[in-house]
PDB file of all heavy atoms in Angstrom:
ATOM      1  N   ALA A   1       0.797  -1.207   0.001  1.00  0.00           N
ATOM      2  CA  ALA A   1      -0.034   0.010   0.006  1.00  0.00           C
ATOM      3  C   ALA A   1       0.852   1.264  -0.021  1.00  0.00           C
ATOM      4  O   ALA A   1       0.398   2.336  -0.365  1.00  0.00           O
ATOM      5  CB  ALA A   1      -0.924  -0.001   1.182  1.00  0.00           C
ATOM      6  N   CYS A   2       2.131   1.151   0.401  1.00  0.00           N
ATOM      7  CA  CYS A   2       2.957   2.299   0.442  1.00  0.00           C
ATOM      8  C   CYS A   2       3.228   2.839  -0.957  1.00  0.00           C
ATOM      9  O   CYS A   2       3.306   2.110  -1.926  1.00  0.00           O
ATOM     10  CB  CYS A   2       4.375   1.940   1.027  1.00  0.00           C
ATOM     11  SG  CYS A   2       4.323   1.347   2.727  1.00  0.00           S
ATOM     12  N   TRP A   3       3.408   4.145  -1.076  1.00  0.00           N
ATOM     13  CA  TRP A   3       3.754   4.717  -2.406  1.00  0.00           C
ATOM     14  C   TRP A   3       5.248   4.526  -2.753  1.00  0.00           C
ATOM     15  O   TRP A   3       5.694   4.809  -3.788  1.00  0.00           O
ATOM     16  CB  TRP A   3       3.351   6.231  -2.488  1.00  0.00           C
ATOM     17  CG  TRP A   3       4.124   7.145  -1.602  1.00  0.00           C
ATOM     18  CD1 TRP A   3       3.742   7.532  -0.329  1.00  0.00           C
ATOM     19  CD2 TRP A   3       5.350   7.812  -1.885  1.00  0.00           C
ATOM     20  NE1 TRP A   3       4.672   8.381   0.141  1.00  0.00           N
ATOM     21  CE2 TRP A   3       5.657   8.602  -0.761  1.00  0.00           C
ATOM     22  CE3 TRP A   3       6.211   7.771  -2.950  1.00  0.00           C
ATOM     23  CZ2 TRP A   3       6.812   9.327  -0.671  1.00  0.00           C
ATOM     24  CZ3 TRP A   3       7.400   8.559  -2.895  1.00  0.00           C
ATOM     25  CH2 TRP A   3       7.698   9.323  -1.751  1.00  0.00           C
ATOM     26  N   TYR A   4       5.963   3.955  -1.755  1.00  0.00           N
ATOM     27  CA  TYR A   4       7.364   3.561  -1.984  1.00  0.00           C
ATOM     28  C   TYR A   4       7.531   2.091  -1.617  1.00  0.00           C
ATOM     29  O   TYR A   4       6.678   1.516  -0.959  1.00  0.00           O
ATOM     30  CB  TYR A   4       8.330   4.414  -1.120  1.00  0.00           C
ATOM     31  CG  TYR A   4       7.963   4.346   0.388  1.00  0.00           C
ATOM     32  CD1 TYR A   4       8.432   3.345   1.147  1.00  0.00           C
ATOM     33  CD2 TYR A   4       7.135   5.313   0.934  1.00  0.00           C
ATOM     34  CE1 TYR A   4       8.089   3.204   2.523  1.00  0.00           C
ATOM     35  CE2 TYR A   4       6.791   5.240   2.306  1.00  0.00           C
ATOM     36  CZ  TYR A   4       7.250   4.181   3.041  1.00  0.00           C
ATOM     37  OH  TYR A   4       6.933   4.101   4.359  1.00  0.00           O
ATOM     38  N   GLU A   5       8.573   1.471  -2.089  1.00  0.00           N
ATOM     39  CA  GLU A   5       8.839   0.074  -1.741  1.00  0.00           C
ATOM     40  C   GLU A   5       9.443   0.032  -0.308  1.00  0.00           C
ATOM     41  O   GLU A   5      10.511   0.590  -0.112  1.00  0.00           O
ATOM     42  CB  GLU A   5       9.748  -0.519  -2.798  1.00  0.00           C
ATOM     43  CG  GLU A   5      10.058  -1.990  -2.478  1.00  0.00           C
ATOM     44  CD  GLU A   5      10.984  -2.607  -3.580  1.00  0.00           C
ATOM     45  OE1 GLU A   5      11.334  -1.929  -4.561  1.00  0.00           O
ATOM     46  OE2 GLU A   5      11.309  -3.823  -3.346  1.00  0.00           O
ATOM     47  N   PRO A   6       8.804  -0.625   0.601  1.00  0.00           N
ATOM     48  CA  PRO A   6       9.359  -0.686   1.957  1.00  0.00           C
ATOM     49  C   PRO A   6      10.262  -1.894   2.112  1.00  0.00           C
ATOM     50  O   PRO A   6      10.286  -2.814   1.342  1.00  0.00           O
ATOM     51  CB  PRO A   6       8.069  -0.877   2.789  1.00  0.00           C
ATOM     52  CG  PRO A   6       7.189  -1.694   1.949  1.00  0.00           C
ATOM     53  CD  PRO A   6       7.485  -1.249   0.564  1.00  0.00           C
ATOM     54  N   TRP A   7      11.081  -1.804   3.205  1.00  0.00           N
ATOM     55  CA  TRP A   7      11.795  -3.036   3.649  1.00  0.00           C
ATOM     56  C   TRP A   7      10.694  -4.022   4.034  1.00  0.00           C
ATOM     57  O   TRP A   7       9.676  -3.634   4.594  1.00  0.00           O
ATOM     58  CB  TRP A   7      12.688  -2.739   4.845  1.00  0.00           C
ATOM     59  CG  TRP A   7      13.766  -1.733   4.548  1.00  0.00           C
ATOM     60  CD1 TRP A   7      13.849  -0.463   5.026  1.00  0.00           C
ATOM     61  CD2 TRP A   7      14.940  -1.940   3.769  1.00  0.00           C
ATOM     62  NE1 TRP A   7      14.987   0.178   4.511  1.00  0.00           N
ATOM     63  CE2 TRP A   7      15.716  -0.740   3.796  1.00  0.00           C
ATOM     64  CE3 TRP A   7      15.453  -3.041   3.088  1.00  0.00           C
ATOM     65  CZ2 TRP A   7      16.887  -0.609   3.157  1.00  0.00           C
ATOM     66  CZ3 TRP A   7      16.665  -2.919   2.463  1.00  0.00           C
ATOM     67  CH2 TRP A   7      17.346  -1.683   2.500  1.00  0.00           C
ATOM     68  N   GLU A   8      10.883  -5.326   3.726  1.00  0.00           N
ATOM     69  CA  GLU A   8       9.906  -6.329   4.044  1.00  0.00           C
ATOM     70  C   GLU A   8      10.418  -7.450   4.941  1.00  0.00           C
ATOM     71  O   GLU A   8       9.562  -8.002   5.662  1.00  0.00           O
ATOM     72  CB  GLU A   8       9.321  -6.859   2.770  1.00  0.00           C
ATOM     73  CG  GLU A   8       8.532  -5.832   1.963  1.00  0.00           C
ATOM     74  CD  GLU A   8       7.722  -6.459   0.877  1.00  0.00           C
ATOM     75  OE1 GLU A   8       7.128  -7.498   1.067  1.00  0.00           O
ATOM     76  OE2 GLU A   8       7.719  -5.825  -0.249  1.00  0.00           O
ATOM     77  N   GLU A   9      11.625  -7.800   4.809  1.00  0.00           N
ATOM     78  CA  GLU A   9      12.212  -8.865   5.655  1.00  0.00           C
ATOM     79  C   GLU A   9      12.366  -8.380   7.140  1.00  0.00           C
ATOM     80  O   GLU A   9      12.795  -7.237   7.311  1.00  0.00           O
ATOM     81  CB  GLU A   9      13.527  -9.393   5.131  1.00  0.00           C
ATOM     82  CG  GLU A   9      13.436  -9.999   3.717  1.00  0.00           C
ATOM     83  CD  GLU A   9      12.477 -11.167   3.651  1.00  0.00           C
ATOM     84  OE1 GLU A   9      12.489 -11.997   4.586  1.00  0.00           O
ATOM     85  OE2 GLU A   9      11.739 -11.282   2.673  1.00  0.00           O
ATOM     86  N   GLN A  10      12.051  -9.159   7.999  1.00  0.00           N
ATOM     87  CA  GLN A  10      12.136  -8.743   9.449  1.00  0.00           C
ATOM     88  C   GLN A  10      13.488  -8.288   9.852  1.00  0.00           C
ATOM     89  O   GLN A  10      13.657  -7.247  10.482  1.00  0.00           O
ATOM     90  CB  GLN A  10      11.731  -9.885  10.401  1.00  0.00           C
ATOM     91  CG  GLN A  10      11.607  -9.465  11.873  1.00  0.00           C
ATOM     92  CD  GLN A  10      10.488  -8.435  12.086  1.00  0.00           C
ATOM     93  OE1 GLN A  10       9.368  -8.737  11.873  1.00  0.00           O
ATOM     94  NE2 GLN A  10      10.874  -7.208  12.531  1.00  0.00           N
ATOM     95  N   ALA A  11      14.561  -9.002   9.434  1.00  0.00           N
ATOM     96  CA  ALA A  11      15.905  -8.559   9.719  1.00  0.00           C
ATOM     97  C   ALA A  11      16.243  -7.154   9.142  1.00  0.00           C
ATOM     98  O   ALA A  11      16.901  -6.341   9.812  1.00  0.00           O
ATOM     99  CB  ALA A  11      16.941  -9.557   9.208  1.00  0.00           C
ATOM    100  N   ASP A  12      15.816  -6.858   7.990  1.00  0.00           N
ATOM    101  CA  ASP A  12      15.952  -5.558   7.289  1.00  0.00           C
ATOM    102  C   ASP A  12      15.188  -4.504   8.065  1.00  0.00           C
ATOM    103  O   ASP A  12      15.691  -3.371   8.310  1.00  0.00           O
ATOM    104  CB  ASP A  12      15.540  -5.616   5.873  1.00  0.00           C
ATOM    105  CG  ASP A  12      16.325  -6.631   5.058  1.00  0.00           C
ATOM    106  OD1 ASP A  12      17.394  -7.099   5.513  1.00  0.00           O
ATOM    107  OD2 ASP A  12      15.890  -6.911   3.894  1.00  0.00           O
ATOM    108  N   ILE A  13      13.945  -4.802   8.425  1.00  0.00           N
ATOM    109  CA  ILE A  13      13.115  -3.896   9.139  1.00  0.00           C
ATOM    110  C   ILE A  13      13.730  -3.588  10.525  1.00  0.00           C
ATOM    111  O   ILE A  13      13.731  -2.452  11.006  1.00  0.00           O
ATOM    112  CB  ILE A  13      11.673  -4.395   9.268  1.00  0.00           C
ATOM    113  CG1 ILE A  13      11.002  -4.358   7.872  1.00  0.00           C
ATOM    114  CG2 ILE A  13      10.869  -3.615  10.308  1.00  0.00           C
ATOM    115  CD1 ILE A  13       9.688  -5.025   7.766  1.00  0.00           C
ATOM    116  N   ASP A  14      14.298  -4.639  11.122  1.00  0.00           N
ATOM    117  CA  ASP A  14      14.952  -4.397  12.462  1.00  0.00           C
ATOM    118  C   ASP A  14      16.025  -3.397  12.319  1.00  0.00           C
ATOM    119  O   ASP A  14      16.195  -2.488  13.177  1.00  0.00           O
ATOM    120  CB  ASP A  14      15.550  -5.754  12.942  1.00  0.00           C
ATOM    121  CG  ASP A  14      14.553  -6.776  13.410  1.00  0.00           C
ATOM    122  OD1 ASP A  14      13.343  -6.444  13.445  1.00  0.00           O
ATOM    123  OD2 ASP A  14      14.970  -7.929  13.669  1.00  0.00           O
ATOM    124  N   LEU A  15      16.797  -3.443  11.257  1.00  0.00           N
ATOM    125  CA  LEU A  15      17.940  -2.507  11.082  1.00  0.00           C
ATOM    126  C   LEU A  15      17.381  -1.092  10.784  1.00  0.00           C
ATOM    127  O   LEU A  15      17.863  -0.121  11.319  1.00  0.00           O
ATOM    128  CB  LEU A  15      18.859  -2.953   9.971  1.00  0.00           C
ATOM    129  CG  LEU A  15      19.691  -4.217  10.246  1.00  0.00           C
ATOM    130  CD1 LEU A  15      20.420  -4.669   9.000  1.00  0.00           C
ATOM    131  CD2 LEU A  15      20.607  -3.963  11.441  1.00  0.00           C
ATOM    132  N   ALA A  16      16.361  -0.999   9.879  1.00  0.00           N
ATOM    133  CA  ALA A  16      15.756   0.299   9.562  1.00  0.00           C
ATOM    134  C   ALA A  16      15.182   0.994  10.773  1.00  0.00           C
ATOM    135  O   ALA A  16      15.359   2.177  10.979  1.00  0.00           O
ATOM    136  CB  ALA A  16      14.796   0.145   8.418  1.00  0.00           C
ATOM    137  N   VAL A  17      14.419   0.206  11.517  1.00  0.00           N
ATOM    138  CA  VAL A  17      13.774   0.747  12.727  1.00  0.00           C
ATOM    139  C   VAL A  17      14.846   1.114  13.764  1.00  0.00           C
ATOM    140  O   VAL A  17      14.766   2.159  14.408  1.00  0.00           O
ATOM    141  CB  VAL A  17      12.801  -0.283  13.326  1.00  0.00           C
ATOM    142  CG1 VAL A  17      12.376   0.063  14.730  1.00  0.00           C
ATOM    143  CG2 VAL A  17      11.563  -0.372  12.391  1.00  0.00           C
ATOM    144  N   GLY A  18      15.861   0.242  13.888  1.00  0.00           N
ATOM    145  CA  GLY A  18      16.940   0.549  14.837  1.00  0.00           C
ATOM    146  C   GLY A  18      17.679   1.821  14.468  1.00  0.00           C
ATOM    147  O   GLY A  18      18.094   2.548  15.324  1.00  0.00           O
ATOM    148  N   TYR A  19      17.847   2.079  13.185  1.00  0.00           N
ATOM    149  CA  TYR A  19      18.532   3.269  12.751  1.00  0.00           C
ATOM    150  C   TYR A  19      17.724   4.472  13.246  1.00  0.00           C
ATOM    151  O   TYR A  19      18.289   5.430  13.756  1.00  0.00           O
ATOM    152  CB  TYR A  19      18.712   3.323  11.265  1.00  0.00           C
ATOM    153  CG  TYR A  19      19.368   4.573  10.757  1.00  0.00           C
ATOM    154  CD1 TYR A  19      20.771   4.748  10.916  1.00  0.00           C
ATOM    155  CD2 TYR A  19      18.618   5.658  10.282  1.00  0.00           C
ATOM    156  CE1 TYR A  19      21.299   5.975  10.513  1.00  0.00           C
ATOM    157  CE2 TYR A  19      19.202   6.801   9.882  1.00  0.00           C
ATOM    158  CZ  TYR A  19      20.589   6.995  10.030  1.00  0.00           C
ATOM    159  OH  TYR A  19      21.178   8.147   9.680  1.00  0.00           O
ATOM    160  N   VAL A  20      16.427   4.491  12.980  1.00  0.00           N
ATOM    161  CA  VAL A  20      15.603   5.636  13.423  1.00  0.00           C
ATOM    162  C   VAL A  20      15.557   5.752  14.933  1.00  0.00           C
ATOM    163  O   VAL A  20      15.851   6.858  15.479  1.00  0.00           O
ATOM    164  CB  VAL A  20      14.151   5.513  12.827  1.00  0.00           C
ATOM    165  CG1 VAL A  20      13.255   6.662  13.327  1.00  0.00           C
ATOM    166  CG2 VAL A  20      14.185   5.499  11.310  1.00  0.00           C
ATOM    167  N   LEU A  21      15.302   4.714  15.615  1.00  0.00           N
ATOM    168  CA  LEU A  21      15.175   4.771  17.061  1.00  0.00           C
ATOM    169  C   LEU A  21      16.510   5.015  17.768  1.00  0.00           C
ATOM    170  O   LEU A  21      16.554   5.466  18.901  1.00  0.00           O
ATOM    171  CB  LEU A  21      14.513   3.467  17.585  1.00  0.00           C
ATOM    172  CG  LEU A  21      13.111   3.210  17.222  1.00  0.00           C
ATOM    173  CD1 LEU A  21      12.631   1.887  17.831  1.00  0.00           C
ATOM    174  CD2 LEU A  21      12.189   4.343  17.622  1.00  0.00           C
ATOM    175  N   GLY A  22      17.600   4.763  17.056  1.00  0.00           N
ATOM    176  CA  GLY A  22      18.937   5.033  17.570  1.00  0.00           C
ATOM    177  C   GLY A  22      19.285   6.513  17.671  1.00  0.00           C
ATOM    178  O   GLY A  22      20.262   6.880  18.313  1.00  0.00           O
ATOM    179  N   ARG A  23      18.477   7.357  17.088  1.00  0.00           N
ATOM    180  CA  ARG A  23      18.732   8.814  17.187  1.00  0.00           C
ATOM    181  C   ARG A  23      17.832   9.339  18.304  1.00  0.00           C
ATOM    182  O   ARG A  23      16.620   9.393  18.192  1.00  0.00           O
ATOM    183  CB  ARG A  23      18.353   9.504  15.836  1.00  0.00           C
ATOM    184  CG  ARG A  23      18.692  11.020  15.959  1.00  0.00           C
ATOM    185  CD  ARG A  23      18.645  11.713  14.630  1.00  0.00           C
ATOM    186  NE  ARG A  23      18.984  13.084  14.772  1.00  0.00           N
ATOM    187  CZ  ARG A  23      19.783  13.743  13.995  1.00  0.00           C
ATOM    188  NH1 ARG A  23      20.275  13.080  12.946  1.00  0.00           N
ATOM    189  NH2 ARG A  23      20.056  15.019  14.171  1.00  0.00           N
ATOM    190  N   PRO A  24      18.449   9.875  19.319  1.00  0.00           N
ATOM    191  CA  PRO A  24      17.690  10.432  20.446  1.00  0.00           C
ATOM    192  C   PRO A  24      16.824  11.678  19.988  1.00  0.00           C
ATOM    193  O   PRO A  24      17.289  12.417  19.070  1.00  0.00           O
ATOM    194  CB  PRO A  24      18.748  10.897  21.437  1.00  0.00           C
ATOM    195  CG  PRO A  24      20.013  10.202  21.048  1.00  0.00           C
ATOM    196  CD  PRO A  24      19.896   9.934  19.565  1.00  0.00           C
ATOM    197  N   GLY A  25      15.660  11.833  20.609  1.00  0.00           N
ATOM    198  CA  GLY A  25      14.930  13.068  20.403  1.00  0.00           C
ATOM    199  C   GLY A  25      13.973  13.057  19.257  1.00  0.00           C
ATOM    200  O   GLY A  25      13.341  14.073  18.922  1.00  0.00           O
ATOM    201  N   ILE A  26      13.854  11.921  18.478  1.00  0.00           N
ATOM    202  CA  ILE A  26      12.869  11.867  17.425  1.00  0.00           C
ATOM    203  C   ILE A  26      11.921  10.715  17.592  1.00  0.00           C
ATOM    204  O   ILE A  26      12.192   9.771  18.340  1.00  0.00           O
ATOM    205  CB  ILE A  26      13.603  11.801  16.016  1.00  0.00           C
ATOM    206  CG1 ILE A  26      14.305  10.442  15.840  1.00  0.00           C
ATOM    207  CG2 ILE A  26      14.497  12.957  15.778  1.00  0.00           C
ATOM    208  CD1 ILE A  26      14.890  10.254  14.440  1.00  0.00           C
ATOM    209  N   PHE A  27      10.754  10.745  16.951  1.00  0.00           N
ATOM    210  CA  PHE A  27       9.820   9.742  16.969  1.00  0.00           C
ATOM    211  C   PHE A  27       9.751   9.004  15.667  1.00  0.00           C
ATOM    212  O   PHE A  27       9.914   9.608  14.615  1.00  0.00           O
ATOM    213  CB  PHE A  27       8.397  10.286  17.227  1.00  0.00           C
ATOM    214  CG  PHE A  27       8.216  10.938  18.583  1.00  0.00           C
ATOM    215  CD1 PHE A  27       8.474  12.305  18.768  1.00  0.00           C
ATOM    216  CD2 PHE A  27       7.842  10.161  19.682  1.00  0.00           C
ATOM    217  CE1 PHE A  27       8.294  12.873  20.013  1.00  0.00           C
ATOM    218  CE2 PHE A  27       7.653  10.772  20.915  1.00  0.00           C
ATOM    219  CZ  PHE A  27       7.925  12.095  21.105  1.00  0.00           C
ATOM    220  N   LEU A  28       9.515   7.719  15.698  1.00  0.00           N
ATOM    221  CA  LEU A  28       9.300   6.894  14.535  1.00  0.00           C
ATOM    222  C   LEU A  28       7.767   6.750  14.333  1.00  0.00           C
ATOM    223  O   LEU A  28       7.136   6.062  15.177  1.00  0.00           O
ATOM    224  CB  LEU A  28       9.935   5.501  14.637  1.00  0.00           C
ATOM    225  CG  LEU A  28       9.588   4.446  13.643  1.00  0.00           C
ATOM    226  CD1 LEU A  28      10.022   4.859  12.233  1.00  0.00           C
ATOM    227  CD2 LEU A  28      10.158   3.134  14.031  1.00  0.00           C
ATOM    228  N   ASN A  29       7.216   7.362  13.304  1.00  0.00           N
ATOM    229  CA  ASN A  29       5.789   7.097  12.998  1.00  0.00           C
ATOM    230  C   ASN A  29       5.706   5.779  12.281  1.00  0.00           C
ATOM    231  O   ASN A  29       6.583   5.367  11.551  1.00  0.00           O
ATOM    232  CB  ASN A  29       5.241   8.246  12.181  1.00  0.00           C
ATOM    233  CG  ASN A  29       5.011   9.473  13.010  1.00  0.00           C
ATOM    234  OD1 ASN A  29       5.407   9.624  14.130  1.00  0.00           O
ATOM    235  ND2 ASN A  29       4.239  10.423  12.401  1.00  0.00           N
TER     236      ASN A  29
END
């Protein structure tokens, strides 16, 4: 449903989410 191609494999998503959450002071929507 995304207008872009998302990461789909759990291991890849773990890294992408970890990258965002690894930055203090921001929220991951």
